[in-house]
C-alpha atoms as a PDB file:
ATOM      1  CA  MET A   1      62.027   3.526  54.709  1.00  0.00           C
ATOM      2  CA  GLU A   2      65.351   4.807  53.300  1.00  0.00           C
ATOM      3  CA  GLU A   3      66.218   5.146  49.706  1.00  0.00           C
ATOM      4  CA  LYS A   4      68.733   2.093  49.971  1.00  0.00           C
ATOM      5  CA  ASP A   5      66.019  -0.073  51.224  1.00  0.00           C
ATOM      6  CA  ILE A   6      63.838   0.822  48.334  1.00  0.00           C
ATOM      7  CA  GLU A   7      66.423   0.095  45.854  1.00  0.00           C
ATOM      8  CA  ARG A   8      67.211  -3.193  47.357  1.00  0.00           C
ATOM      9  CA  LEU A   9      63.568  -4.062  47.358  1.00  0.00           C
ATOM     10  CA  LEU A  10      63.384  -3.110  43.518  1.00  0.00           C
ATOM     11  CA  GLU A  11      66.502  -5.162  42.829  1.00  0.00           C
ATOM     12  CA  LYS A  12      64.782  -8.198  44.407  1.00  0.00           C
ATOM     13  CA  PHE A  13      61.591  -7.584  42.608  1.00  0.00           C
ATOM     14  CA  ASP A  14      63.490  -7.221  39.287  1.00  0.00           C
ATOM     15  CA  ALA A  15      65.228 -10.596  39.998  1.00  0.00           C
ATOM     16  CA  SER A  16      61.926 -12.333  40.809  1.00  0.00           C
ATOM     17  CA  SER A  17      59.277 -13.620  38.430  1.00  0.00           C
ATOM     18  CA  LEU A  18      56.658 -11.453  40.185  1.00  0.00           C
ATOM     19  CA  GLN A  19      54.723  -9.125  37.790  1.00  0.00           C
ATOM     20  CA  GLU A  20      53.433  -6.713  40.314  1.00  0.00           C
ATOM     21  CA  PHE A  21      54.236  -5.860  43.888  1.00  0.00           C
ATOM     22  CA  GLU A  22      52.472  -3.224  46.314  1.00  0.00           C
ATOM     23  CA  MET A  23      53.454  -2.308  49.759  1.00  0.00           C
ATOM     24  CA  THR A  24      52.147   0.332  52.240  1.00  0.00           C
ATOM     25  CA  GLN A  25      54.106   1.446  55.316  1.00  0.00           C
ATOM     26  CA  GLY A  26      52.795   4.313  57.068  1.00  0.00           C
ATOM     27  CA  ASP A  27      52.409   7.075  54.657  1.00  0.00           C
ATOM     28  CA  LEU A  28      54.691   5.493  52.160  1.00  0.00           C
ATOM     29  CA  HIS A  29      53.080   3.576  49.471  1.00  0.00           C
ATOM     30  CA  LEU A  30      55.148   1.689  46.678  1.00  0.00           C
ATOM     31  CA  ALA A  31      53.965  -0.087  43.694  1.00  0.00           C
ATOM     32  CA  PHE A  32      56.149  -2.072  41.207  1.00  0.00           C
ATOM     33  CA  SER A  33      54.917  -3.466  37.942  1.00  0.00           C
ATOM     34  CA  LYS A  34      56.739  -5.192  35.259  1.00  0.00           C
ATOM     35  CA  ARG A  35      53.503  -5.230  33.119  1.00  0.00           C
ATOM     36  CA  ALA A  36      53.444  -2.913  30.039  1.00  0.00           C
ATOM     37  CA  GLN A  37      51.431   0.179  30.544  1.00  0.00           C
ATOM     38  CA  ALA A  38      49.259   1.597  27.674  1.00  0.00           C
ATOM     39  CA  ALA A  39      52.432   3.479  26.398  1.00  0.00           C
ATOM     40  CA  THR A  40      51.990   5.406  23.122  1.00  0.00           C
ATOM     41  CA  VAL A  41      54.402   5.770  20.207  1.00  0.00           C
ATOM     42  CA  ASP A  42      54.544   8.178  17.337  1.00  0.00           C
ATOM     43  CA  GLU A  43      53.663   6.686  14.140  1.00  0.00           C
ATOM     44  CA  PRO A  44      56.394   7.365  11.510  1.00  0.00           C
ATOM     45  CA  GLY A  45      55.403   9.692   8.918  1.00  0.00           C
ATOM     46  CA  GLU A  46      52.271  10.952  10.689  1.00  0.00           C
ATOM     47  CA  PRO A  47      53.249  13.568  13.163  1.00  0.00           C
ATOM     48  CA  GLY A  48      50.948  13.993  16.117  1.00  0.00           C
ATOM     49  CA  VAL A  49      49.173  10.754  15.479  1.00  0.00           C
ATOM     50  CA  ARG A  50      49.701   8.391  18.402  1.00  0.00           C
ATOM     51  CA  GLU A  51      49.003   4.690  18.445  1.00  0.00           C
ATOM     52  CA  PRO A  52      49.035   2.264  21.490  1.00  0.00           C
ATOM     53  CA  ALA A  53      52.282   0.434  21.797  1.00  0.00           C
ATOM     54  CA  PRO A  54      52.010  -3.223  20.983  1.00  0.00           C
ATOM     55  CA  PRO A  55      51.701  -5.411  24.001  1.00  0.00           C
ATOM     56  CA  PRO A  56      54.735  -7.485  25.085  1.00  0.00           C
ATOM     57  CA  ALA A  57      54.726 -11.092  24.031  1.00  0.00           C
ATOM     58  CA  PRO A  58      53.468 -13.238  26.911  1.00  0.00           C
ATOM     59  CA  PRO A  59      56.220 -15.401  28.772  1.00  0.00           C
ATOM     60  CA  PRO A  60      56.718 -18.995  27.404  1.00  0.00           C
ATOM     61  CA  ARG A  61      54.733 -21.513  29.162  1.00  0.00           C
ATOM     62  CA  THR A  62      56.630 -24.294  30.742  1.00  0.00           C
ATOM     63  CA  SER A  63      55.598 -27.933  30.582  1.00  0.00           C
ATOM     64  CA  PRO A  64      55.279 -30.099  33.734  1.00  0.00           C
ATOM     65  CA  THR A  65      58.509 -31.791  33.123  1.00  0.00           C
ATOM     66  CA  THR A  66      60.516 -28.595  32.881  1.00  0.00           C
ATOM     67  CA  ALA A  67      58.752 -26.494  35.637  1.00  0.00           C
ATOM     68  CA  PRO A  68      60.780 -26.466  38.949  1.00  0.00           C
ATOM     69  CA  HIS A  69      57.929 -25.644  41.229  1.00  0.00           C
ATOM     70  CA  PRO A  70      54.244 -24.300  41.451  1.00  0.00           C
ATOM     71  CA  GLY A  71      55.554 -20.959  41.159  1.00  0.00           C
ATOM     72  CA  GLY A  72      56.410 -21.795  37.747  1.00  0.00           C
ATOM     73  CA  GLY A  73      54.386 -24.870  37.040  1.00  0.00           C
ATOM     74  CA  PRO A  74      52.280 -27.765  38.572  1.00  0.00           C
ATOM     75  CA  ALA A  75      52.575 -29.180  41.935  1.00  0.00           C
ATOM     76  CA  PRO A  76      54.733 -32.310  42.634  1.00  0.00           C
ATOM     77  CA  PRO A  77      52.665 -35.499  42.676  1.00  0.00           C
ATOM     78  CA  SER A  78      50.907 -36.451  45.851  1.00  0.00           C
ATOM     79  CA  ASP A  79      53.041 -39.645  46.378  1.00  0.00           C
ATOM     80  CA  ALA A  80      56.117 -37.178  46.742  1.00  0.00           C
ATOM     81  CA  GLY A  81      54.547 -35.637  49.759  1.00  0.00           C
ATOM     82  CA  THR A  82      52.802 -32.414  50.756  1.00  0.00           C
ATOM     83  CA  PRO A  83      54.442 -29.380  49.566  1.00  0.00           C
ATOM     84  CA  VAL A  84      54.626 -26.469  52.061  1.00  0.00           C
ATOM     85  CA  PRO A  85      54.207 -23.124  50.321  1.00  0.00           C
ATOM     86  CA  ALA A  86      55.547 -19.757  51.332  1.00  0.00           C
ATOM     87  CA  PRO A  87      52.683 -17.723  52.973  1.00  0.00           C
ATOM     88  CA  LEU A  88      54.367 -14.413  51.863  1.00  0.00           C
ATOM     89  CA  VAL A  89      56.954 -12.902  49.602  1.00  0.00           C
ATOM     90  CA  GLY A  90      60.433 -12.627  51.277  1.00  0.00           C
ATOM     91  CA  VAL A  91      63.595 -14.589  51.896  1.00  0.00           C
ATOM     92  CA  ALA A  92      63.381 -18.082  53.319  1.00  0.00           C
ATOM     93  CA  TYR A  93      65.843 -19.444  55.851  1.00  0.00           C
ATOM     94  CA  PHE A  94      65.943 -22.861  57.469  1.00  0.00           C
ATOM     95  CA  ALA A  95      67.558 -21.728  60.680  1.00  0.00           C
ATOM     96  CA  ALA A  96      66.700 -18.946  63.153  1.00  0.00           C
ATOM     97  CA  ALA A  97      70.134 -17.401  62.633  1.00  0.00           C
ATOM     98  CA  PRO A  98      73.279 -18.192  60.672  1.00  0.00           C
ATOM     99  CA  ASP A  99      75.025 -19.579  63.758  1.00  0.00           C
ATOM    100  CA  LYS A 100      71.999 -21.649  64.824  1.00  0.00           C
ATOM    101  CA  PRO A 101      71.164 -25.217  63.766  1.00  0.00           C
ATOM    102  CA  PRO A 102      68.275 -25.686  61.223  1.00  0.00           C
ATOM    103  CA  PHE A 103      64.813 -26.145  62.496  1.00  0.00           C
ATOM    104  CA  LYS A 104      64.683 -29.515  60.912  1.00  0.00           C
ATOM    105  CA  GLN A 105      66.936 -31.564  58.667  1.00  0.00           C
ATOM    106  CA  ILE A 106      65.890 -33.842  55.656  1.00  0.00           C
ATOM    107  CA  GLY A 107      64.555 -37.083  57.110  1.00  0.00           C
ATOM    108  CA  ASP A 108      63.426 -35.391  60.453  1.00  0.00           C
ATOM    109  CA  HIS A 109      60.052 -36.009  61.766  1.00  0.00           C
ATOM    110  CA  VAL A 110      57.946 -32.842  62.073  1.00  0.00           C
ATOM    111  CA  ASP A 111      54.700 -32.249  64.027  1.00  0.00           C
ATOM    112  CA  LYS A 112      51.804 -30.207  62.613  1.00  0.00           C
ATOM    113  CA  GLY A 113      52.250 -26.698  63.909  1.00  0.00           C
ATOM    114  CA  GLU A 114      55.920 -26.995  64.252  1.00  0.00           C
ATOM    115  CA  THR A 115      58.240 -24.304  62.776  1.00  0.00           C
ATOM    116  CA  ILE A 116      60.088 -25.736  59.723  1.00  0.00           C
ATOM    117  CA  PHE A 117      61.394 -22.415  58.185  1.00  0.00           C
ATOM    118  CA  VAL A 118      61.071 -18.783  58.579  1.00  0.00           C
ATOM    119  CA  ILE A 119      60.700 -15.952  55.883  1.00  0.00           C
ATOM    120  CA  GLU A 120      62.154 -12.598  56.318  1.00  0.00           C
ATOM    121  CA  ALA A 121      59.963  -9.809  54.885  1.00  0.00           C
ATOM    122  CA  MET A 122      60.380  -6.096  55.552  1.00  0.00           C
ATOM    123  CA  LYS A 123      62.891  -6.843  58.274  1.00  0.00           C
ATOM    124  CA  MET A 124      60.330  -8.988  60.164  1.00  0.00           C
ATOM    125  CA  ILE A 125      60.875 -12.718  60.713  1.00  0.00           C
ATOM    126  CA  ASN A 126      57.716 -14.805  60.048  1.00  0.00           C
ATOM    127  CA  GLU A 127      57.704 -18.444  61.333  1.00  0.00           C
ATOM    128  CA  VAL A 128      56.183 -20.983  59.093  1.00  0.00           C
ATOM    129  CA  PRO A 129      54.633 -24.042  60.809  1.00  0.00           C
ATOM    130  CA  SER A 130      54.198 -27.362  59.203  1.00  0.00           C
ATOM    131  CA  PRO A 131      50.607 -27.951  57.990  1.00  0.00           C
ATOM    132  CA  VAL A 132      51.019 -31.760  58.620  1.00  0.00           C
ATOM    133  CA  SER A 133      52.655 -34.153  60.691  1.00  0.00           C
ATOM    134  CA  GLY A 134      55.218 -36.285  58.883  1.00  0.00           C
ATOM    135  CA  THR A 135      58.922 -36.527  57.604  1.00  0.00           C
ATOM    136  CA  LEU A 136      60.677 -33.684  55.869  1.00  0.00           C
ATOM    137  CA  VAL A 137      61.799 -35.338  52.645  1.00  0.00           C
ATOM    138  CA  LYS A 138      62.936 -32.483  50.405  1.00  0.00           C
ATOM    139  CA  ARG A 139      64.052 -28.741  50.373  1.00  0.00           C
ATOM    140  CA  LEU A 140      62.941 -27.143  47.107  1.00  0.00           C
ATOM    141  CA  ILE A 141      65.043 -24.049  47.464  1.00  0.00           C
ATOM    142  CA  ASP A 142      68.359 -23.119  49.087  1.00  0.00           C
ATOM    143  CA  ASP A 143      68.731 -21.228  52.218  1.00  0.00           C
ATOM    144  CA  GLY A 144      68.460 -17.558  51.812  1.00  0.00           C
ATOM    145  CA  THR A 145      66.502 -17.658  48.645  1.00  0.00           C
ATOM    146  CA  MET A 146      63.948 -15.154  47.680  1.00  0.00           C
ATOM    147  CA  VAL A 147      60.647 -16.777  47.537  1.00  0.00           C
ATOM    148  CA  GLU A 148      57.108 -15.729  46.090  1.00  0.00           C
ATOM    149  CA  TYR A 149      53.808 -16.131  47.668  1.00  0.00           C
ATOM    150  CA  ASP A 150      52.503 -19.732  47.322  1.00  0.00           C
ATOM    151  CA  GLU A 151      55.932 -21.080  46.049  1.00  0.00           C
ATOM    152  CA  PRO A 152      56.824 -24.552  47.488  1.00  0.00           C
ATOM    153  CA  VAL A 153      59.619 -24.395  49.883  1.00  0.00           C
ATOM    154  CA  VAL A 154      59.681 -27.964  51.328  1.00  0.00           C
ATOM    155  CA  THR A 155      57.990 -31.172  50.871  1.00  0.00           C
ATOM    156  CA  ILE A 156      56.668 -33.392  53.800  1.00  0.00           C
ATOM    157  CA  LYS A 157      55.764 -37.027  53.471  1.00  0.00           C
ATOM    158  CA  GLU A 158      52.580 -37.321  55.786  1.00  0.00           C
ATOM    159  CA  ASP A 159      52.422 -39.868  58.431  1.00  0.00           C
ATOM    160  CA  ALA A 160      50.309 -42.915  57.529  1.00  0.00           C
ATOM    161  CA  ALA A 161      46.814 -42.653  59.039  1.00  0.00           C
ATOM    162  CA  GLU A 162      46.216 -44.718  62.037  1.00  0.00           C
END
């Protein structure tokens, strides 16, 4: 892995709401963390006495009405359909390539196991199949958006049981 790849990965990590990220590729092991370490600070007026730094304030909690998705709040109600989460961290795309048509459009019927989007992670394309048969009712992110593990990407309204 080249330095520019690591820098790009770090920039995406900084822009995400992830708190920790670890990756091993061959002999390379990367670990990023936004969590405060047990840093120490000198107490003023007492040279040589070191106290633990105060922990950072926790992020504000969002209410169900303000949370955009389960990555930041509760899942949509069941009558809205079945949310399909990202199975890994990466960049989600709704088409195989920029010049190709999307796998599925809003309103299209999807069969269980059919590819509905892909996630690019570490220069690998991972197809994401539909967990249910039904109608694609909503895209919860824009094409080319960085997604976190278990973040809902689309919603599918399941077919009625026969």
